[in-house]
Amino acid sequence: MRQREIAKEAKAVDWQIRAIRGATTVPENSAEAIAGAVTEMLDAMEQSNQLDPTQIISATFSVTRDLDAIFPAAIARSRPKWDCVPLLDVQQMHVEGALPRCIRLMIYAPMAVCQDKVRHSYLRGARDLRPDLCLTSD
């Protein structure tokens, strides 16, 4: 059903660069926990947006300062078709009281849908960050 909607919109909307947002949390600062959360988030973003990694322009991960066990981009780079995606890891600005152990992601890709039809993936403890954008939850 979603593919038909995208095909219908492709006729009405020109291809444009779109930003796809996502965020998730991990229970601990470990490579295993981070890898599991990043994999889950990327799976959700790819599936809900019919995203082909070979078409991604770039992706930036940010992590809170309490996460340093592994680079999220290293997890993404190991996925099929992600080895040529320009990836960047940065540390999220620290704000007292902000959500801990949080991984955020911004992907830029050409899409034939309006920005308001892009499906953002806010998972686990990050669901409350942007409930207005959140279309995916666990």
N, C-alpha and C. Protein backbone atom coordinates (compact mmCIF):
# COMPACT_ATOMS: atom_id res chain seq x y z
N MET A 1 0.83 -1.20 0.00
CA MET A 1 0.00 0.00 0.00
C MET A 1 0.87 1.25 0.00
N ARG A 2 1.90 1.29 0.85
CA ARG A 2 2.78 2.46 0.94
C ARG A 2 3.46 2.73 -0.40
N GLN A 3 3.85 1.69 -1.14
CA GLN A 3 4.52 1.88 -2.43
C GLN A 3 3.59 2.54 -3.44
N ARG A 4 2.31 2.19 -3.40
CA ARG A 4 1.35 2.83 -4.30
C ARG A 4 1.20 4.31 -3.97
N GLU A 5 1.18 4.63 -2.67
CA GLU A 5 1.08 6.04 -2.25
C GLU A 5 2.29 6.82 -2.74
N ILE A 6 3.47 6.23 -2.60
CA ILE A 6 4.70 6.91 -3.05
C ILE A 6 4.68 7.08 -4.56
N ALA A 7 4.26 6.06 -5.29
CA ALA A 7 4.20 6.15 -6.75
C ALA A 7 3.21 7.24 -7.18
N LYS A 8 2.08 7.32 -6.50
CA LYS A 8 1.07 8.34 -6.81
C LYS A 8 1.64 9.73 -6.57
N GLU A 9 2.32 9.90 -5.45
CA GLU A 9 2.89 11.21 -5.13
C GLU A 9 4.04 11.55 -6.06
N ALA A 10 4.76 10.56 -6.55
CA ALA A 10 5.88 10.81 -7.45
C ALA A 10 5.40 11.52 -8.72
N LYS A 11 4.19 11.23 -9.13
CA LYS A 11 3.63 11.91 -10.30
C LYS A 11 3.32 13.37 -10.01
N ALA A 12 2.94 13.66 -8.77
CA ALA A 12 2.51 15.00 -8.41
C ALA A 12 3.63 15.86 -7.81
N VAL A 13 4.69 15.24 -7.31
CA VAL A 13 5.75 15.95 -6.62
C VAL A 13 7.08 15.67 -7.31
N ASP A 14 7.83 16.73 -7.58
CA ASP A 14 9.17 16.55 -8.13
C ASP A 14 10.10 15.96 -7.08
N TRP A 15 11.10 15.25 -7.54
CA TRP A 15 12.10 14.72 -6.63
C TRP A 15 12.84 15.90 -5.99
N GLN A 16 12.96 15.86 -4.68
CA GLN A 16 13.68 16.89 -3.95
C GLN A 16 14.47 16.24 -2.83
N ILE A 17 15.45 16.96 -2.32
CA ILE A 17 16.22 16.48 -1.19
C ILE A 17 15.35 16.60 0.05
N ARG A 18 15.23 15.50 0.78
CA ARG A 18 14.43 15.48 2.01
C ARG A 18 15.31 15.07 3.18
N ALA A 19 14.93 15.54 4.34
CA ALA A 19 15.62 15.17 5.58
C ALA A 19 14.74 14.17 6.32
N ILE A 20 15.35 13.06 6.72
CA ILE A 20 14.65 12.03 7.47
C ILE A 20 15.30 11.98 8.85
N ARG A 21 14.48 12.13 9.88
CA ARG A 21 15.00 12.21 11.24
C ARG A 21 14.69 10.93 12.00
N GLY A 22 15.58 10.62 12.92
CA GLY A 22 15.36 9.47 13.78
C GLY A 22 16.11 9.64 15.08
N ALA A 23 15.67 8.91 16.08
CA ALA A 23 16.36 8.91 17.37
C ALA A 23 15.98 7.65 18.12
N THR A 24 16.88 7.23 18.99
CA THR A 24 16.64 6.07 19.83
C THR A 24 17.48 6.20 21.09
N THR A 25 17.27 5.32 22.01
CA THR A 25 18.07 5.31 23.24
C THR A 25 18.61 3.90 23.46
N VAL A 26 19.62 3.82 24.32
CA VAL A 26 20.19 2.53 24.69
C VAL A 26 20.21 2.41 26.21
N PRO A 27 20.11 1.19 26.72
CA PRO A 27 20.09 1.01 28.18
C PRO A 27 21.46 1.16 28.82
N GLU A 28 22.52 1.01 28.02
CA GLU A 28 23.88 1.09 28.56
C GLU A 28 24.86 1.51 27.47
N ASN A 29 26.02 1.96 27.90
CA ASN A 29 27.08 2.38 26.99
C ASN A 29 27.94 1.17 26.63
N SER A 30 27.43 0.35 25.72
CA SER A 30 28.19 -0.81 25.25
C SER A 30 28.06 -0.89 23.73
N ALA A 31 29.07 -1.48 23.10
CA ALA A 31 29.04 -1.64 21.65
C ALA A 31 27.82 -2.44 21.22
N GLU A 32 27.47 -3.46 21.98
CA GLU A 32 26.33 -4.31 21.64
C GLU A 32 25.01 -3.53 21.71
N ALA A 33 24.83 -2.76 22.77
CA ALA A 33 23.60 -1.98 22.93
C ALA A 33 23.47 -0.92 21.84
N ILE A 34 24.55 -0.24 21.54
CA ILE A 34 24.54 0.79 20.50
C ILE A 34 24.28 0.16 19.13
N ALA A 35 24.95 -0.95 18.84
CA ALA A 35 24.76 -1.63 17.55
C ALA A 35 23.31 -2.07 17.38
N GLY A 36 22.72 -2.62 18.42
CA GLY A 36 21.33 -3.06 18.33
C GLY A 36 20.37 -1.91 18.07
N ALA A 37 20.58 -0.80 18.77
CA ALA A 37 19.69 0.36 18.62
C ALA A 37 19.85 1.02 17.25
N VAL A 38 21.09 1.16 16.80
CA VAL A 38 21.34 1.78 15.48
C VAL A 38 20.76 0.91 14.37
N THR A 39 20.94 -0.40 14.48
CA THR A 39 20.39 -1.32 13.48
C THR A 39 18.88 -1.23 13.44
N GLU A 40 18.24 -1.23 14.60
CA GLU A 40 16.79 -1.13 14.68
C GLU A 40 16.30 0.18 14.05
N MET A 41 16.98 1.29 14.34
CA MET A 41 16.57 2.59 13.82
C MET A 41 16.74 2.64 12.29
N LEU A 42 17.88 2.17 11.80
CA LEU A 42 18.10 2.20 10.35
C LEU A 42 17.12 1.29 9.62
N ASP A 43 16.83 0.11 10.18
CA ASP A 43 15.83 -0.78 9.58
C ASP A 43 14.48 -0.06 9.47
N ALA A 44 14.08 0.60 10.54
CA ALA A 44 12.79 1.31 10.55
C ALA A 44 12.77 2.44 9.52
N MET A 45 13.86 3.19 9.44
CA MET A 45 13.91 4.33 8.52
C MET A 45 13.91 3.86 7.06
N GLU A 46 14.69 2.82 6.77
CA GLU A 46 14.73 2.28 5.41
C GLU A 46 13.36 1.75 5.00
N GLN A 47 12.75 0.96 5.87
CA GLN A 47 11.49 0.31 5.54
C GLN A 47 10.35 1.32 5.40
N SER A 48 10.22 2.23 6.34
CA SER A 48 9.07 3.14 6.31
C SER A 48 9.16 4.18 5.21
N ASN A 49 10.35 4.42 4.68
CA ASN A 49 10.53 5.40 3.60
C ASN A 49 10.93 4.78 2.27
N GLN A 50 10.93 3.43 2.19
CA GLN A 50 11.40 2.75 0.98
C GLN A 50 12.74 3.33 0.55
N LEU A 51 13.62 3.47 1.51
CA LEU A 51 14.90 4.15 1.30
C LEU A 51 15.96 3.19 0.77
N ASP A 52 16.56 3.55 -0.35
CA ASP A 52 17.66 2.80 -0.93
C ASP A 52 18.96 3.48 -0.50
N PRO A 53 19.78 2.82 0.30
CA PRO A 53 21.01 3.45 0.80
C PRO A 53 21.92 4.00 -0.30
N THR A 54 21.88 3.42 -1.50
CA THR A 54 22.74 3.93 -2.57
C THR A 54 22.31 5.32 -3.03
N GLN A 55 21.11 5.76 -2.65
CA GLN A 55 20.62 7.07 -3.02
C GLN A 55 20.82 8.12 -1.93
N ILE A 56 21.28 7.71 -0.77
CA ILE A 56 21.47 8.64 0.35
C ILE A 56 22.61 9.61 0.04
N ILE A 57 22.36 10.87 0.27
CA ILE A 57 23.37 11.90 0.05
C ILE A 57 24.37 11.91 1.21
N SER A 58 23.85 11.91 2.44
CA SER A 58 24.70 11.84 3.62
C SER A 58 23.85 11.56 4.85
N ALA A 59 24.53 11.14 5.91
CA ALA A 59 23.85 10.87 7.17
C ALA A 59 24.75 11.31 8.32
N THR A 60 24.15 11.97 9.30
CA THR A 60 24.90 12.43 10.48
C THR A 60 24.26 11.84 11.73
N PHE A 61 25.09 11.16 12.51
CA PHE A 61 24.67 10.65 13.81
C PHE A 61 25.17 11.60 14.88
N SER A 62 24.34 11.85 15.88
CA SER A 62 24.82 12.55 17.07
C SER A 62 24.49 11.67 18.27
N VAL A 63 25.38 11.69 19.25
CA VAL A 63 25.17 10.89 20.46
C VAL A 63 25.39 11.79 21.67
N THR A 64 24.69 11.46 22.74
CA THR A 64 24.91 12.19 23.98
C THR A 64 26.28 11.84 24.53
N ARG A 65 26.80 12.69 25.39
CA ARG A 65 28.18 12.53 25.86
C ARG A 65 28.41 11.28 26.69
N ASP A 66 27.34 10.59 27.09
CA ASP A 66 27.50 9.37 27.88
C ASP A 66 27.63 8.12 27.01
N LEU A 67 27.72 8.28 25.69
CA LEU A 67 27.90 7.16 24.78
C LEU A 67 29.22 7.30 24.02
N ASP A 68 30.12 6.36 24.25
CA ASP A 68 31.41 6.41 23.56
C ASP A 68 31.99 5.02 23.31
N ALA A 69 31.18 3.97 23.39
CA ALA A 69 31.67 2.61 23.22
C ALA A 69 31.97 2.26 21.76
N ILE A 70 31.25 2.88 20.84
CA ILE A 70 31.45 2.62 19.41
C ILE A 70 30.83 3.77 18.61
N PHE A 71 31.33 4.00 17.42
CA PHE A 71 30.76 5.01 16.54
C PHE A 71 29.51 4.45 15.86
N PRO A 72 28.37 5.14 15.95
CA PRO A 72 27.19 4.67 15.22
C PRO A 72 27.43 4.54 13.71
N ALA A 73 28.23 5.44 13.15
CA ALA A 73 28.52 5.36 11.71
C ALA A 73 29.23 4.05 11.35
N ALA A 74 30.03 3.52 12.25
CA ALA A 74 30.69 2.23 11.99
C ALA A 74 29.66 1.12 11.86
N ILE A 75 28.61 1.20 12.65
CA ILE A 75 27.52 0.21 12.55
C ILE A 75 26.82 0.37 11.21
N ALA A 76 26.49 1.60 10.84
CA ALA A 76 25.81 1.84 9.56
C ALA A 76 26.68 1.39 8.39
N ARG A 77 27.96 1.70 8.44
CA ARG A 77 28.88 1.38 7.34
C ARG A 77 28.97 -0.12 7.08
N SER A 78 28.70 -0.93 8.10
CA SER A 78 28.79 -2.38 7.94
C SER A 78 27.53 -2.99 7.31
N ARG A 79 26.51 -2.19 7.12
CA ARG A 79 25.25 -2.67 6.53
C ARG A 79 25.37 -2.77 5.00
N PRO A 80 24.57 -3.65 4.40
CA PRO A 80 24.58 -3.72 2.93
C PRO A 80 24.24 -2.36 2.30
N LYS A 81 25.01 -1.98 1.32
CA LYS A 81 24.84 -0.75 0.53
C LYS A 81 25.17 0.54 1.29
N TRP A 82 25.59 0.47 2.53
CA TRP A 82 25.91 1.66 3.30
C TRP A 82 27.40 2.01 3.25
N ASP A 83 28.23 1.18 2.64
CA ASP A 83 29.67 1.41 2.68
C ASP A 83 30.12 2.65 1.91
N CYS A 84 29.29 3.14 0.99
CA CYS A 84 29.66 4.35 0.23
C CYS A 84 28.88 5.59 0.65
N VAL A 85 28.04 5.47 1.68
CA VAL A 85 27.28 6.62 2.17
C VAL A 85 28.21 7.51 2.99
N PRO A 86 28.28 8.81 2.70
CA PRO A 86 29.07 9.71 3.55
C PRO A 86 28.41 9.80 4.94
N LEU A 87 29.16 9.37 5.95
CA LEU A 87 28.64 9.31 7.32
C LEU A 87 29.49 10.17 8.25
N LEU A 88 28.85 10.72 9.27
CA LEU A 88 29.55 11.54 10.24
C LEU A 88 28.97 11.27 11.63
N ASP A 89 29.86 11.18 12.61
CA ASP A 89 29.46 11.08 14.02
C ASP A 89 29.85 12.37 14.72
N VAL A 90 28.93 12.91 15.53
CA VAL A 90 29.22 14.09 16.34
C VAL A 90 28.62 13.89 17.73
N GLN A 91 29.11 14.68 18.66
CA GLN A 91 28.54 14.64 20.00
C GLN A 91 27.43 15.67 20.10
N GLN A 92 26.29 15.23 20.61
CA GLN A 92 25.14 16.12 20.81
C GLN A 92 25.49 17.16 21.87
N MET A 93 25.04 18.37 21.70
CA MET A 93 25.22 19.40 22.71
C MET A 93 24.62 18.92 24.03
N HIS A 94 25.34 19.10 25.11
CA HIS A 94 24.85 18.68 26.42
C HIS A 94 23.96 19.78 27.02
N VAL A 95 22.76 19.38 27.39
CA VAL A 95 21.84 20.26 28.09
C VAL A 95 21.42 19.52 29.36
N GLU A 96 21.58 20.16 30.48
CA GLU A 96 21.22 19.54 31.75
C GLU A 96 19.77 19.06 31.72
N GLY A 97 19.56 17.81 32.11
CA GLY A 97 18.22 17.24 32.16
C GLY A 97 17.74 16.63 30.84
N ALA A 98 18.57 16.69 29.80
CA ALA A 98 18.17 16.13 28.50
C ALA A 98 18.16 14.60 28.57
N LEU A 99 17.52 13.99 27.60
CA LEU A 99 17.41 12.54 27.52
C LEU A 99 18.79 11.90 27.48
N PRO A 100 19.10 11.00 28.40
CA PRO A 100 20.42 10.35 28.41
C PRO A 100 20.51 9.20 27.41
N ARG A 101 21.74 8.81 27.09
CA ARG A 101 22.05 7.67 26.23
C ARG A 101 21.20 7.67 24.95
N CYS A 102 21.22 8.81 24.28
CA CYS A 102 20.39 9.02 23.09
C CYS A 102 21.25 9.12 21.83
N ILE A 103 20.79 8.46 20.79
CA ILE A 103 21.43 8.50 19.48
C ILE A 103 20.43 9.13 18.52
N ARG A 104 20.85 10.20 17.85
CA ARG A 104 19.99 10.87 16.87
C ARG A 104 20.60 10.69 15.49
N LEU A 105 19.75 10.78 14.48
CA LEU A 105 20.22 10.60 13.11
C LEU A 105 19.45 11.53 12.17
N MET A 106 20.17 12.13 11.24
CA MET A 106 19.57 12.91 10.16
C MET A 106 20.13 12.38 8.85
N ILE A 107 19.22 11.90 8.00
CA ILE A 107 19.59 11.39 6.68
C ILE A 107 19.06 12.36 5.63
N TYR A 108 19.90 12.67 4.64
CA TYR A 108 19.47 13.48 3.50
C TYR A 108 19.43 12.57 2.27
N ALA A 109 18.28 12.57 1.58
CA ALA A 109 18.12 11.71 0.41
C ALA A 109 17.10 12.33 -0.54
N PRO A 110 17.26 12.07 -1.85
CA PRO A 110 16.24 12.53 -2.79
C PRO A 110 15.00 11.65 -2.66
N MET A 111 13.86 12.28 -2.58
CA MET A 111 12.60 11.55 -2.47
C MET A 111 11.54 12.26 -3.30
N ALA A 112 10.56 11.50 -3.74
CA ALA A 112 9.48 12.05 -4.55
C ALA A 112 8.21 12.18 -3.72
N VAL A 113 8.38 12.64 -2.49
CA VAL A 113 7.24 12.89 -1.61
C VAL A 113 7.43 14.26 -0.97
N CYS A 114 6.35 14.85 -0.55
CA CYS A 114 6.42 16.12 0.17
C CYS A 114 7.07 15.86 1.53
N GLN A 115 7.71 16.87 2.09
CA GLN A 115 8.39 16.70 3.37
C GLN A 115 7.45 16.20 4.46
N ASP A 116 6.18 16.62 4.41
CA ASP A 116 5.25 16.18 5.45
C ASP A 116 4.84 14.71 5.31
N LYS A 117 5.25 14.06 4.24
CA LYS A 117 4.98 12.63 4.04
C LYS A 117 6.18 11.75 4.41
N VAL A 118 7.31 12.38 4.73
CA VAL A 118 8.48 11.63 5.16
C VAL A 118 8.18 11.02 6.52
N ARG A 119 8.56 9.77 6.70
CA ARG A 119 8.29 9.06 7.95
C ARG A 119 9.54 9.03 8.82
N HIS A 120 9.44 9.66 9.95
CA HIS A 120 10.55 9.75 10.90
C HIS A 120 10.43 8.63 11.92
N SER A 121 11.56 8.16 12.43
CA SER A 121 11.56 7.01 13.35
C SER A 121 12.14 7.40 14.70
N TYR A 122 11.27 7.56 15.66
CA TYR A 122 11.68 7.84 17.03
C TYR A 122 11.33 6.61 17.85
N LEU A 123 12.35 5.93 18.33
CA LEU A 123 12.17 4.63 18.98
C LEU A 123 12.56 4.66 20.45
N ARG A 124 12.13 3.64 21.14
CA ARG A 124 12.47 3.42 22.55
C ARG A 124 12.18 4.67 23.37
N GLY A 125 13.14 5.09 24.19
CA GLY A 125 12.95 6.25 25.05
C GLY A 125 12.92 7.58 24.32
N ALA A 126 13.25 7.57 23.03
CA ALA A 126 13.28 8.81 22.24
C ALA A 126 11.92 9.15 21.64
N ARG A 127 10.92 8.32 21.86
CA ARG A 127 9.60 8.57 21.26
C ARG A 127 9.03 9.93 21.66
N ASP A 128 9.34 10.39 22.86
CA ASP A 128 8.76 11.65 23.35
C ASP A 128 9.52 12.89 22.90
N LEU A 129 10.65 12.73 22.21
CA LEU A 129 11.42 13.90 21.77
C LEU A 129 10.62 14.77 20.80
N ARG A 130 10.01 14.14 19.83
CA ARG A 130 9.23 14.87 18.81
C ARG A 130 7.97 14.09 18.47
N PRO A 131 7.00 14.04 19.37
CA PRO A 131 5.78 13.27 19.08
C PRO A 131 5.04 13.79 17.85
N ASP A 132 5.25 15.05 17.50
CA ASP A 132 4.60 15.61 16.32
C ASP A 132 5.17 15.02 15.03
N LEU A 133 6.41 14.51 15.07
CA LEU A 133 7.02 13.91 13.90
C LEU A 133 7.04 12.38 13.97
N CYS A 134 6.80 11.86 15.13
CA CYS A 134 6.97 10.44 15.37
C CYS A 134 5.86 9.62 14.74
N LEU A 135 6.22 8.81 13.76
CA LEU A 135 5.26 7.93 13.13
C LEU A 135 5.58 6.47 13.38
N THR A 136 6.71 6.22 14.02
CA THR A 136 7.13 4.86 14.29
C THR A 136 7.42 4.74 15.78
N SER A 137 6.91 3.71 16.39
CA SER A 137 7.22 3.47 17.80
C SER A 137 7.30 1.98 18.02
N ASP A 138 7.91 1.60 19.13
CA ASP A 138 7.98 0.16 19.42
C ASP A 138 7.05 -0.19 20.55
